[in-house]
Amino acid sequence: MNHPQRTPTAADQHPSEPRYLEVTHEVTNQPRPLENYNLYQQDTALQEGVLREGAGHAHDQLTDYGAWAGLARSIELGHQANAQKPALRTHDRFGHRVDEVSFHPAYHELMAMALEHGLHSRPWTHPGQGAHVARAAKYYLHSQVEAAHCCPITMTFAAIPSIRQQPDLAALWESRILANAYDPRNLPDSEKTAVTIGMAMTEKQGGSDVRANSTRAYPVAQEGPGQAYELVGHKWFVSAPMCDAFLVLAQAPGGLSCFLMPRWRPDGSKNPWQIQQLKNKMGNVANASSEVELRGALAWMVGEEGRGVPTIIEMVAMTRFDCMIGSAAGMRQAVAQASHHCHHRSAFGARLSDQPLMQNVLADLALESEAALAYTLRIARALDNQHQEHDRLLTRLATPVGKYWICKRTPNHAYEAMECIGGS
C-alpha cells in the first residue's frame, strides 16, 4: 500500500541549526538601567553642600528620600506621567462647563509624594536654621524623578509670601495651602482641606511686559485691598490650570493690581474662568499649560491697588529660586546618566570612563553641575537668613541671575551628556 510522502523540514536538513532563530544576537556592552540606588548617598556634592549651608540635621530625611527617588518604581512613575499628555474636557455630557484636565495616575502619585512630604510648605511651617536648604535638597532629589509636575508644587510654595500681604485672605487660605496633603478633585475649595495655587500673568499682547495687560478688574461693591472684583479678559499662558486658586494680574481702576481668583465661587458655582485649550509643548509634557478667558471671574484684591507687580513679584522671586533647584537637578541627573553609561560601556579597547577625552567631558559636566548646586544651596541659606541685610540683598540680586544662568545652561549641559551616551 502506498503511503503519502512526508515533506522534509528544516530540522531534517540542518538539525543543529534551525532556519528561524529565536535569538538573533546576544546583547553585550550595554549598561543596565540606572535604578535602585540612593540619589542622596551617591551625591557627595549634595551631602557636603547640605552640611556646609546649615542643614546637617536633615541628613537622615534626605537619605530616606534619596532611596525613594532611586527606586525603579519611582523612576517609572516619571516615564508614565509623560507618556500620556494631559487632556482637557471643557463640558460634561450634559453640556455643563467643567474645565477639567485629566492626568495619568502617575502624575497624581508624584504630586501626592511631594505635597505629603512638605515640598510646598516646610520652610513656612517650620522656619529656622537650614529650613530652606533642607527643602531645596529634598526638592533637588524629587525633581530628578520627574520635573514637570513640580510646577504646581513650586507655585503653591511660592504663593505664600504674596498672599501674606493680605492678612484677611491669608487667614482663609494659608492653612489649606500649607496642608501636607493632595486633593486633586475638581470641587469648590470650601470642600477641601488641602489646595494648590497657580499664577496667571502673561497675555498675548505683552508677554513678559505685564504692565501691558488688558484684563480688567471691576469692583463688585467696595474697592481696595481684600475686596471682591470681577475679572474680564484673557491669559495666554497658565500652567497647572487644575490648581484651586490663582494669583492674577488685572487692571483695576487704580492701576495694575494682584488678585486671588478661585476656580469656584463661594456659593459652589463654577467661576467663569474658562480654559480655551492646552498648549502643545515640545517638553514638560506631564504638566498642563493652558490658554484661558475670564468672563467675570470673581477674585479678591491682594495688596495695594495699583501695586500688582510688587505684590506678585514676591511669588515670582520664589519661583525663580525653584527654577534654580529644578535645573540644577536636571544637570545632576544628566551627569549621573552619562557617568553610569560610560562606566559600563567599552570602546576601542577600554571603558569609556577610562578614555582621557571622555574623562575631560565627564569632568566638565560634573563641574558645572556641582557649581549650579553650590549656587542654589547658597541662595537657600540666604533665604534662611533674611534678617541679615547681606543675605537679604544677596537673595534679591543673585536669585534672578542664578535662575537665568542655570536655566540657560541646562539644555546645553544635557546635549553634552546625551553625546556621551551616543546613538543608543
Protein backbone atom coordinates (compact mmCIF):
# COMPACT_ATOMS: atom_id res chain seq x y z
CA MET A 1 0.00 0.00 0.00
CA ASN A 2 1.35 3.42 -0.94
CA HIS A 3 1.99 5.99 1.83
CA PRO A 4 1.98 9.79 1.24
CA GLN A 5 5.39 11.37 1.10
CA ARG A 6 6.39 13.39 4.20
CA THR A 7 7.58 16.92 3.46
CA PRO A 8 11.17 17.42 4.65
CA THR A 9 11.60 20.03 7.41
CA ALA A 10 14.42 22.46 8.17
CA ALA A 11 15.29 20.29 11.17
CA ASP A 12 15.81 17.29 8.86
CA GLN A 13 18.21 19.25 6.68
CA HIS A 14 20.11 21.10 9.48
CA PRO A 15 19.11 19.50 12.78
CA SER A 16 21.53 21.62 14.87
CA GLU A 17 20.93 24.92 13.06
CA PRO A 18 17.25 25.93 12.75
CA ARG A 19 16.49 28.29 9.92
CA TYR A 20 14.44 30.72 12.01
CA LEU A 21 16.41 31.69 15.06
CA GLU A 22 14.52 32.83 18.15
CA VAL A 23 17.63 34.61 19.37
CA THR A 24 19.28 36.72 16.71
CA HIS A 25 22.10 38.07 18.89
CA GLU A 26 23.40 38.47 22.41
CA VAL A 27 23.14 41.96 23.91
CA THR A 28 26.57 42.93 25.20
CA ASN A 29 28.42 46.13 26.09
CA GLN A 30 25.24 47.86 27.21
CA PRO A 31 24.75 49.24 30.75
CA ARG A 32 21.91 48.16 32.96
CA PRO A 33 19.31 50.85 33.78
CA LEU A 34 20.41 53.26 36.48
CA GLU A 35 17.89 52.37 39.16
CA ASN A 36 17.53 51.07 42.71
CA TYR A 37 20.23 53.35 44.05
CA ASN A 38 20.20 56.18 46.60
CA LEU A 39 20.39 59.57 44.90
CA TYR A 40 21.49 61.29 48.09
CA GLN A 41 24.17 58.82 49.12
CA GLN A 42 25.60 58.84 45.60
CA ASP A 43 25.85 62.65 45.51
CA THR A 44 28.86 63.78 47.51
CA ALA A 45 28.48 67.41 46.44
CA LEU A 46 24.91 67.48 47.74
CA GLN A 47 25.85 65.92 51.08
CA GLU A 48 28.70 68.40 51.56
CA GLY A 49 26.52 71.33 50.46
CA VAL A 50 23.72 70.46 52.88
CA LEU A 51 26.20 70.33 55.75
CA ARG A 52 28.02 73.50 54.66
CA GLU A 53 24.85 75.57 54.36
CA GLY A 54 23.41 74.63 57.73
CA ALA A 55 21.02 71.72 57.17
CA GLY A 56 23.03 68.83 58.52
CA HIS A 57 20.06 67.96 60.74
CA ALA A 58 18.20 66.82 57.60
CA HIS A 59 20.73 64.11 56.69
CA ASP A 60 18.57 61.13 57.70
CA GLN A 61 15.44 62.52 55.99
CA LEU A 62 17.40 63.17 52.80
CA THR A 63 18.90 59.69 52.91
CA ASP A 64 15.41 58.18 53.08
CA TYR A 65 14.14 60.42 50.31
CA GLY A 66 17.15 59.63 48.13
CA ALA A 67 16.33 55.94 48.46
CA TRP A 68 12.75 56.54 47.27
CA ALA A 69 13.92 58.71 44.36
CA GLY A 70 16.23 55.98 43.10
CA LEU A 71 13.73 53.13 43.15
CA ALA A 72 12.91 51.60 39.79
CA ARG A 73 9.23 52.09 40.53
CA SER A 74 9.68 55.79 41.32
CA ILE A 75 11.63 56.34 38.10
CA GLU A 76 8.91 54.53 36.16
CA LEU A 77 6.31 56.93 37.55
CA GLY A 78 8.17 59.74 35.79
CA HIS A 79 8.09 57.89 32.48
CA GLN A 80 4.41 57.08 32.85
CA ALA A 81 3.45 60.66 33.72
CA ASN A 82 4.99 61.86 30.45
CA ALA A 83 3.76 59.01 28.24
CA GLN A 84 0.18 60.34 28.36
CA LYS A 85 -0.42 64.03 27.76
CA PRO A 86 -2.95 65.84 29.98
CA ALA A 87 -6.37 66.01 28.34
CA LEU A 88 -8.87 68.88 28.55
CA ARG A 89 -12.62 68.34 28.92
CA THR A 90 -14.45 71.67 28.75
CA HIS A 91 -18.03 70.34 29.24
CA ASP A 92 -19.67 67.27 30.67
CA ARG A 93 -22.06 65.17 28.56
CA PHE A 94 -25.00 67.28 29.68
CA GLY A 95 -23.42 70.50 28.43
CA HIS A 96 -22.29 71.91 31.77
CA ARG A 97 -18.99 73.75 31.79
CA VAL A 98 -16.42 71.81 33.85
CA ASP A 99 -12.95 72.93 32.59
CA GLU A 100 -11.36 69.72 33.79
CA VAL A 101 -7.89 68.47 32.91
CA SER A 102 -7.15 64.78 33.40
CA PHE A 103 -3.69 63.33 34.03
CA HIS A 104 -2.08 59.91 34.12
CA PRO A 105 -2.39 58.37 37.61
CA ALA A 106 1.40 58.51 37.93
CA TYR A 107 1.21 62.31 37.86
CA HIS A 108 -1.12 62.30 40.85
CA GLU A 109 1.09 59.84 42.72
CA LEU A 110 4.10 62.10 42.25
CA MET A 111 2.07 65.15 43.32
CA ALA A 112 0.94 63.33 46.45
CA MET A 113 4.50 62.31 47.29
CA ALA A 114 5.75 65.90 47.02
CA LEU A 115 2.91 67.50 48.97
CA GLU A 116 2.77 64.88 51.71
CA HIS A 117 6.50 65.44 52.32
CA GLY A 118 6.09 69.20 52.60
CA LEU A 119 7.98 70.28 49.50
CA HIS A 120 5.50 73.16 49.23
CA SER A 121 5.31 74.04 52.91
CA ARG A 122 8.16 73.06 55.20
CA PRO A 123 10.11 76.37 55.36
CA TRP A 124 6.86 78.27 56.06
CA THR A 125 5.53 75.90 58.73
CA HIS A 126 8.91 75.11 60.33
CA PRO A 127 11.21 78.08 59.71
CA GLY A 128 14.67 78.12 61.20
CA GLN A 129 18.26 77.24 60.51
CA GLY A 130 18.60 75.22 57.34
CA ALA A 131 14.86 75.05 56.61
CA HIS A 132 15.13 76.33 53.02
CA VAL A 133 18.37 74.40 52.49
CA ALA A 134 16.81 71.11 53.58
CA ARG A 135 13.74 71.72 51.44
CA ALA A 136 15.88 72.65 48.43
CA ALA A 137 17.93 69.47 48.81
CA LYS A 138 14.85 67.27 49.04
CA TYR A 139 13.26 69.06 46.07
CA TYR A 140 16.53 68.57 44.15
CA LEU A 141 16.19 64.82 44.68
CA HIS A 142 12.49 64.81 43.86
CA SER A 143 12.90 66.78 40.62
CA GLN A 144 15.28 64.16 39.27
CA VAL A 145 12.43 61.66 39.22
CA GLU A 146 10.14 63.89 37.12
CA ALA A 147 10.27 67.65 36.74
CA ALA A 148 7.01 68.67 35.02
CA HIS A 149 4.66 68.07 37.95
CA CYS A 150 6.90 70.28 40.11
CA CYS A 151 5.32 73.38 38.53
CA PRO A 152 2.20 73.40 40.77
CA ILE A 153 4.33 72.37 43.76
CA THR A 154 6.56 75.40 43.22
CA MET A 155 3.68 77.83 42.65
CA THR A 156 1.91 76.64 45.80
CA PHE A 157 5.14 77.07 47.78
CA ALA A 158 5.88 80.46 46.23
CA ALA A 159 2.40 81.94 46.71
CA ILE A 160 2.71 82.27 50.49
CA PRO A 161 4.81 85.50 50.62
CA SER A 162 2.37 87.26 48.27
CA ILE A 163 -0.82 86.04 49.96
CA ARG A 164 0.52 87.02 53.37
CA GLN A 165 0.45 90.63 52.18
CA GLN A 166 -3.33 90.40 52.55
CA PRO A 167 -3.84 89.03 56.09
CA ASP A 168 -7.60 88.51 55.83
CA LEU A 169 -7.17 86.32 52.73
CA ALA A 170 -4.20 84.54 54.29
CA ALA A 171 -6.37 83.66 57.26
CA LEU A 172 -8.84 81.93 54.94
CA TRP A 173 -6.36 80.16 52.67
CA GLU A 174 -2.98 79.62 54.32
CA SER A 175 -3.76 76.55 56.43
CA ARG A 176 -5.11 74.72 53.39
CA ILE A 177 -2.23 75.83 51.16
CA LEU A 178 0.28 74.53 53.70
CA ALA A 179 -1.51 71.26 54.46
CA ASN A 180 0.72 68.27 53.70
CA ALA A 181 -1.89 66.51 51.59
CA TYR A 182 -3.08 66.33 48.00
CA ASP A 183 -6.67 66.60 46.83
CA PRO A 184 -6.96 66.68 43.01
CA ARG A 185 -10.76 66.69 42.90
CA ASN A 186 -12.50 69.34 40.82
CA LEU A 187 -14.52 70.74 43.73
CA PRO A 188 -15.04 74.11 45.44
CA ASP A 189 -12.15 74.91 47.77
CA SER A 190 -14.62 75.13 50.66
CA GLU A 191 -14.96 71.34 50.39
CA LYS A 192 -11.21 70.76 50.63
CA THR A 193 -8.68 70.76 53.44
CA ALA A 194 -5.70 70.93 51.04
CA VAL A 195 -5.39 73.17 47.98
CA THR A 196 -2.82 74.15 45.36
CA ILE A 197 -2.17 77.64 43.97
CA GLY A 198 -1.27 78.77 40.44
CA MET A 199 -0.31 82.03 38.78
CA ALA A 200 -1.65 83.89 35.72
CA MET A 201 0.15 86.95 34.39
CA THR A 202 1.05 86.57 30.69
CA GLU A 203 -1.20 87.93 27.95
CA LYS A 204 -0.96 87.83 24.16
CA GLN A 205 -0.04 91.45 23.58
CA GLY A 206 2.52 91.87 26.33
CA GLY A 207 4.22 88.59 27.16
CA SER A 208 6.68 89.35 29.94
CA ASP A 209 5.67 93.04 29.80
CA VAL A 210 2.81 92.55 32.25
CA ARG A 211 2.13 96.29 32.55
CA ALA A 212 0.63 95.99 29.06
CA ASN A 213 -2.04 93.61 30.41
CA SER A 214 -5.55 94.35 29.20
CA THR A 215 -7.57 92.19 31.63
CA ARG A 216 -9.88 94.47 33.61
CA ALA A 217 -10.99 94.22 37.24
CA TYR A 218 -14.42 95.64 38.11
CA PRO A 219 -15.29 96.12 41.81
CA VAL A 220 -18.36 94.22 42.95
CA ALA A 221 -19.05 96.74 45.73
CA GLN A 222 -16.33 98.44 47.75
CA GLU A 223 -12.90 98.92 46.20
CA GLY A 224 -9.46 98.24 47.62
CA PRO A 225 -7.35 95.50 49.24
CA GLY A 226 -9.27 92.41 50.25
CA GLN A 227 -12.37 93.45 48.31
CA ALA A 228 -14.16 91.41 45.64
CA TYR A 229 -13.81 92.16 41.92
CA GLU A 230 -14.91 90.53 38.69
CA LEU A 231 -12.17 89.96 36.12
CA VAL A 232 -12.76 90.18 32.36
CA GLY A 233 -10.03 89.36 29.86
CA HIS A 234 -7.63 86.58 28.96
CA LYS A 235 -4.38 84.88 29.99
CA TRP A 236 -2.23 83.33 27.33
CA PHE A 237 -0.08 81.03 29.44
CA VAL A 238 -1.42 79.42 32.60
CA SER A 239 0.35 76.31 33.82
CA ALA A 240 -1.32 73.78 36.10
CA PRO A 241 -4.88 75.01 35.38
CA MET A 242 -6.29 72.46 37.84
CA CYS A 243 -4.96 74.46 40.79
CA ASP A 244 -7.66 75.55 43.22
CA ALA A 245 -6.88 79.27 43.00
CA PHE A 246 -4.56 81.62 41.12
CA LEU A 247 -2.77 84.87 41.71
CA VAL A 248 -3.78 87.01 38.73
CA LEU A 249 -2.78 90.45 37.46
CA ALA A 250 -5.53 92.74 36.16
CA GLN A 251 -6.12 96.44 35.59
CA ALA A 252 -8.20 97.87 38.45
CA PRO A 253 -9.44 101.49 38.41
CA GLY A 254 -6.28 102.43 40.31
CA GLY A 255 -3.87 100.52 38.07
CA LEU A 256 -2.42 97.04 37.63
CA SER A 257 -3.24 95.01 40.74
CA CYS A 258 -2.92 91.49 42.08
CA PHE A 259 -5.94 89.28 42.77
CA LEU A 260 -6.59 85.86 44.26
CA MET A 261 -9.05 84.07 41.99
CA PRO A 262 -10.51 80.66 42.96
CA ARG A 263 -11.76 78.15 40.39
CA TRP A 264 -15.15 78.03 42.15
CA ARG A 265 -17.28 80.78 43.68
CA PRO A 266 -18.16 80.70 47.39
CA ASP A 267 -21.74 79.67 46.56
CA GLY A 268 -20.42 76.47 44.92
CA SER A 269 -20.98 77.60 41.33
CA LYS A 270 -18.29 77.44 38.67
CA ASN A 271 -16.21 80.63 38.47
CA PRO A 272 -16.21 81.75 34.79
CA TRP A 273 -12.52 81.08 34.28
CA GLN A 274 -12.69 79.10 31.06
CA ILE A 275 -9.87 77.05 29.57
CA GLN A 276 -9.72 77.53 25.80
CA GLN A 277 -7.06 74.97 25.01
CA LEU A 278 -3.94 73.25 26.32
CA LYS A 279 -0.56 74.20 24.91
CA ASN A 280 1.10 71.65 22.61
CA LYS A 281 4.59 71.69 24.08
CA MET A 282 7.83 70.06 22.99
CA GLY A 283 8.77 69.18 26.57
CA ASN A 284 7.39 69.47 30.10
CA VAL A 285 4.65 67.20 28.84
CA ALA A 286 3.23 65.93 32.12
CA ASN A 287 2.41 69.48 33.22
CA ALA A 288 -0.62 71.05 31.55
CA SER A 289 -0.23 74.63 30.32
CA SER A 290 -3.30 76.44 29.08
CA GLU A 291 -4.87 79.48 27.47
CA VAL A 292 -7.85 80.85 29.38
CA GLU A 293 -10.52 83.53 29.21
CA LEU A 294 -12.03 85.29 32.22
CA ARG A 295 -15.70 86.18 31.82
CA GLY A 296 -16.46 87.97 35.07
CA ALA A 297 -14.37 85.66 37.26
CA LEU A 298 -14.74 86.54 40.94
CA ALA A 299 -11.47 87.44 42.67
CA TRP A 300 -10.19 89.34 45.71
CA MET A 301 -7.54 92.04 45.62
CA VAL A 302 -4.22 91.14 47.25
CA GLY A 303 -2.07 94.03 48.43
CA GLU A 304 -2.42 97.66 47.47
CA GLU A 305 -4.34 98.74 44.40
CA GLY A 306 -2.00 99.64 41.56
CA ARG A 307 0.84 97.68 43.18
CA GLY A 308 0.22 94.39 41.46
CA VAL A 309 3.76 93.83 40.24
CA PRO A 310 5.45 94.45 43.63
CA THR A 311 2.86 92.16 45.23
CA ILE A 312 3.19 89.23 42.86
CA ILE A 313 6.97 89.65 42.49
CA GLU A 314 7.27 88.02 45.92
CA MET A 315 5.82 84.86 44.37
CA VAL A 316 7.89 85.27 41.20
CA ALA A 317 11.11 85.50 43.22
CA MET A 318 10.41 82.17 44.91
CA THR A 319 9.54 80.50 41.60
CA ARG A 320 12.86 81.73 40.24
CA PHE A 321 14.61 80.05 43.13
CA ASP A 322 12.81 76.79 42.42
CA CYS A 323 13.82 77.06 38.76
CA MET A 324 17.42 77.05 40.02
CA ILE A 325 16.71 73.89 42.02
CA GLY A 326 14.96 72.11 39.15
CA SER A 327 17.57 72.99 36.54
CA ALA A 328 20.45 72.06 38.85
CA ALA A 329 18.65 68.76 39.45
CA GLY A 330 18.41 68.22 35.70
CA MET A 331 22.16 68.77 35.41
CA ARG A 332 22.82 66.28 38.20
CA GLN A 333 20.70 63.60 36.60
CA ALA A 334 22.42 64.20 33.25
CA VAL A 335 25.81 63.66 34.92
CA ALA A 336 24.53 60.53 36.65
CA GLN A 337 23.20 59.01 33.43
CA ALA A 338 26.28 59.89 31.37
CA SER A 339 28.72 58.65 34.03
CA HIS A 340 26.79 55.43 34.53
CA HIS A 341 26.73 54.76 30.80
CA CYS A 342 30.42 55.48 30.30
CA HIS A 343 31.41 53.35 33.28
CA HIS A 344 29.63 50.30 31.83
CA ARG A 345 30.43 50.64 28.13
CA SER A 346 33.68 49.99 26.34
CA ALA A 347 35.09 51.26 23.05
CA PHE A 348 38.48 50.97 21.39
CA GLY A 349 39.86 48.60 23.98
CA ALA A 350 38.88 50.40 27.20
CA ARG A 351 35.89 51.53 29.20
CA LEU A 352 34.60 54.91 28.02
CA SER A 353 35.13 56.33 31.50
CA ASP A 354 38.84 55.43 31.24
CA GLN A 355 39.31 57.20 27.92
CA PRO A 356 41.15 60.53 28.51
CA LEU A 357 38.96 62.65 26.25
CA MET A 358 35.77 61.21 27.73
CA GLN A 359 37.14 61.85 31.22
CA ASN A 360 37.54 65.50 30.27
CA VAL A 361 33.94 65.71 29.11
CA LEU A 362 32.58 63.99 32.22
CA ALA A 363 34.67 66.22 34.45
CA ASP A 364 33.33 69.34 32.73
CA LEU A 365 29.77 68.08 33.15
CA ALA A 366 30.31 67.28 36.82
CA LEU A 367 31.98 70.62 37.50
CA GLU A 368 29.13 72.64 36.05
CA SER A 369 26.54 70.51 37.81
CA GLU A 370 28.22 70.95 41.18
CA ALA A 371 28.63 74.69 40.59
CA ALA A 372 24.90 75.05 39.91
CA LEU A 373 24.11 73.10 43.07
CA ALA A 374 26.51 75.15 45.19
CA TYR A 375 24.99 78.40 43.90
CA THR A 376 21.47 77.14 44.60
CA LEU A 377 22.20 75.99 48.14
CA ARG A 378 23.91 79.27 48.94
CA ILE A 379 20.74 81.13 47.93
CA ALA A 380 18.76 78.70 50.08
CA ARG A 381 20.94 79.67 53.07
CA ALA A 382 20.32 83.33 52.29
CA LEU A 383 16.56 82.66 52.37
CA ASP A 384 17.04 81.17 55.82
CA ASN A 385 18.74 84.39 56.96
CA GLN A 386 16.54 87.20 55.67
CA HIS A 387 17.06 89.05 58.94
CA GLN A 388 20.61 89.75 57.80
CA GLU A 389 20.97 92.61 55.30
CA HIS A 390 23.75 90.92 53.34
CA ASP A 391 21.72 87.77 52.73
CA ARG A 392 18.58 89.77 52.02
CA LEU A 393 20.39 91.76 49.32
CA LEU A 394 22.11 88.63 48.01
CA THR A 395 18.75 86.95 47.56
CA ARG A 396 17.37 89.92 45.67
CA LEU A 397 20.32 90.21 43.28
CA ALA A 398 21.63 86.67 42.92
CA THR A 399 18.33 84.78 42.54
CA PRO A 400 17.35 86.22 39.12
CA VAL A 401 20.97 85.91 37.94
CA GLY A 402 21.11 82.29 39.06
CA LYS A 403 17.76 81.49 37.52
CA TYR A 404 18.88 82.99 34.23
CA TRP A 405 22.28 81.32 34.07
CA ILE A 406 21.49 77.84 35.41
CA CYS A 407 18.33 77.54 33.31
CA LYS A 408 20.20 78.87 30.28
CA ARG A 409 22.99 76.34 30.65
CA THR A 410 20.90 73.27 31.45
CA PRO A 411 19.83 72.39 27.86
CA ASN A 412 23.40 72.63 26.56
CA HIS A 413 24.60 70.60 29.51
CA ALA A 414 22.02 67.95 28.61
CA TYR A 415 23.14 67.94 24.95
CA GLU A 416 26.71 67.18 26.02
CA ALA A 417 25.55 64.40 28.35
CA MET A 418 23.47 62.91 25.53
CA GLU A 419 26.53 62.85 23.30
CA CYS A 420 28.31 60.78 25.96
CA ILE A 421 25.55 58.21 25.64
CA GLY A 422 25.71 58.36 21.85
CA GLY A 423 23.28 56.73 19.46
CA SER A 424 21.60 54.42 21.98
